[in-house]
Amino acid sequence: MRYCSLDLEMCGLNPDTCDILEMGAVLDDLENPLPLEELPRFHCYFLPMSEGNTFKGEPYALSMHPKIFLRIDKREAPYSYLSPRKMGNSFKTFLLRNGYEEERGKVYINAAGKNFANCDLNFLNKQTDLDKHVYIRHTILDPGILYMEKDDKTIPGLGKCLARAGFDDTVAHTAVEDALDVVKLIRYKFLDKEGL
């Protein structure tokens, strides 16, 4: 199965009151796995949508991302900086360059991501133009379900999943690194250890 692991870094958890800062995506194909370091990656930082060139968010979430804010402020190379309302075509172009095909004006993808269906996708739908260019299929793979244990009261978070798979449980809270951790977790369950 070919899928796209997606992750966002946001200024909080409410897409009505908090902005997206960063998007990362890693493409994987379980039938033809490349080494992790060779997987195609998409990355961009988002420019502020608010008047006055400011980001809206919650104090705790804002405090987690000082490096991201500095990069956005300085527009440091080699990173991409996009308006959230204009990123969809850039992501679609990335997918087309990496073997996806266009159907009825959009690229259709299988998506994976930790809490992506319940959180990140809401931000993408409310704050970006992604749905004009990319169709994310309704069934989204969250690796938490793969790492549940019978006594868990909730689906485990990314750090706990990493620990249960035997990886370092440090969560980077940067979009590409977190998307890559999801790929590692999926591969750990479905491929032999050589695929990691």
Foldseek 3Di string as FASTA:
>chain_A
DKAKEKDWQKQEFDLVFIATFKIKIWIADLVDGDALVPTDMDIATEFDPDPPRDTGHDVVSVVVDPVSVVCNVVVDPPHHYYHQAPCQVVVLVSVVVVDFDDDPQETEGAYEYACCLPTVVVNSVPGHPNVNHYHYDPDYHYLLVVQDDPPDPDRDGLLVLCVSLPHHSDDPSHIHSRSSSRVVSVCSVPHPPVSD
